[in-house]
């Protein structure tokens, strides 16, 4: 099997974009402070992530599936906390 840079780049992009949500989730869980977080932005973001996840499944593209599945969970946590704590 030949080495494919596109797969490496896809997984790196997936890792960086997914990991970028971890600090916000951790901070929100710790402080329970959500007044500066936009509810509409996270509703739209979560909807888009869900659609990217479905798109990845339809294509069978593992980097898209993994990145958007994990990021959807992280964004959904922030969205849940925003709704819970206002």
Protein backbone atom coordinates (compact mmCIF):
# COMPACT_ATOMS: atom_id res chain seq x y z
CA UNK A 1 0.00 0.00 0.00
CA UNK A 2 1.36 3.42 -0.99
CA UNK A 3 1.73 6.17 1.60
CA UNK A 4 -0.98 8.81 1.12
CA UNK A 5 -0.27 12.35 2.29
CA UNK A 6 -3.91 13.29 1.86
CA UNK A 7 -4.88 10.90 4.64
CA UNK A 8 -2.17 12.26 6.95
CA UNK A 9 -3.23 15.85 6.24
CA UNK A 10 -6.88 14.90 6.80
CA UNK A 11 -6.15 13.31 10.16
CA UNK A 12 -3.94 16.23 11.26
CA UNK A 13 -6.62 18.75 10.29
CA UNK A 14 -9.19 16.64 12.13
CA UNK A 15 -7.02 16.45 15.24
CA UNK A 16 -6.26 20.18 15.38
CA UNK A 17 -9.83 21.35 14.80
CA UNK A 18 -11.24 18.84 17.26
CA UNK A 19 -8.67 19.55 19.99
CA UNK A 20 -9.36 23.27 19.67
CA UNK A 21 -12.73 22.78 21.41
CA UNK A 22 -11.30 21.04 24.47
CA UNK A 23 -10.18 24.24 26.31
CA UNK A 24 -13.65 25.80 25.90
CA UNK A 25 -15.37 22.67 27.16
CA UNK A 26 -13.01 22.39 30.15
CA UNK A 27 -13.36 26.09 31.03
CA UNK A 28 -17.15 25.97 30.75
CA UNK A 29 -17.37 22.82 32.86
CA UNK A 30 -15.09 24.34 35.49
CA UNK A 31 -16.60 27.84 35.72
CA UNK A 32 -20.20 27.11 34.67
CA UNK A 33 -20.01 30.56 33.05
CA UNK A 34 -21.62 30.84 29.61
CA UNK A 35 -22.79 34.45 29.28
CA UNK A 36 -20.14 35.25 26.66
CA UNK A 37 -20.93 32.19 24.55
CA UNK A 38 -23.34 32.68 21.65
CA UNK A 39 -26.26 30.24 21.79
CA UNK A 40 -27.11 30.79 18.12
CA UNK A 41 -23.52 30.20 17.05
CA UNK A 42 -23.36 26.84 18.87
CA UNK A 43 -26.78 25.78 17.52
CA UNK A 44 -25.63 26.53 13.96
CA UNK A 45 -22.19 24.98 14.58
CA UNK A 46 -23.67 21.78 16.03
CA UNK A 47 -26.08 21.50 13.09
CA UNK A 48 -23.21 21.93 10.63
CA UNK A 49 -21.06 19.41 12.47
CA UNK A 50 -23.91 16.90 12.37
CA UNK A 51 -24.27 17.38 8.62
CA UNK A 52 -20.49 17.02 8.11
CA UNK A 53 -20.63 13.82 10.21
CA UNK A 54 -23.43 12.41 8.03
CA UNK A 55 -21.56 13.52 4.89
CA UNK A 56 -18.45 11.69 6.10
CA UNK A 57 -20.48 8.55 6.71
CA UNK A 58 -22.01 8.74 3.24
CA UNK A 59 -18.53 9.12 1.70
CA UNK A 60 -16.92 6.59 4.02
CA UNK A 61 -14.25 9.20 4.83
CA UNK A 62 -12.75 8.31 8.21
CA UNK A 63 -11.07 11.68 8.98
CA UNK A 64 -14.36 13.53 8.35
CA UNK A 65 -16.35 11.02 10.41
CA UNK A 66 -13.98 11.01 13.39
CA UNK A 67 -13.28 14.75 13.46
CA UNK A 68 -16.87 15.85 13.13
CA UNK A 69 -18.24 13.14 15.41
CA UNK A 70 -15.91 14.08 18.28
CA UNK A 71 -16.25 17.82 17.63
CA UNK A 72 -20.05 17.44 17.56
CA UNK A 73 -19.90 15.86 21.02
CA UNK A 74 -17.66 18.66 22.35
CA UNK A 75 -19.78 21.44 20.81
CA UNK A 76 -22.93 19.74 22.10
CA UNK A 77 -21.51 19.77 25.63
CA UNK A 78 -20.93 23.53 25.38
CA UNK A 79 -24.40 23.97 23.88
CA UNK A 80 -25.97 21.94 26.69
CA UNK A 81 -24.09 23.96 29.32
CA UNK A 82 -25.10 27.21 27.62
CA UNK A 83 -28.76 26.17 27.79
CA UNK A 84 -28.39 24.94 31.37
CA UNK A 85 -26.47 27.91 32.78
CA UNK A 86 -27.70 30.64 30.41
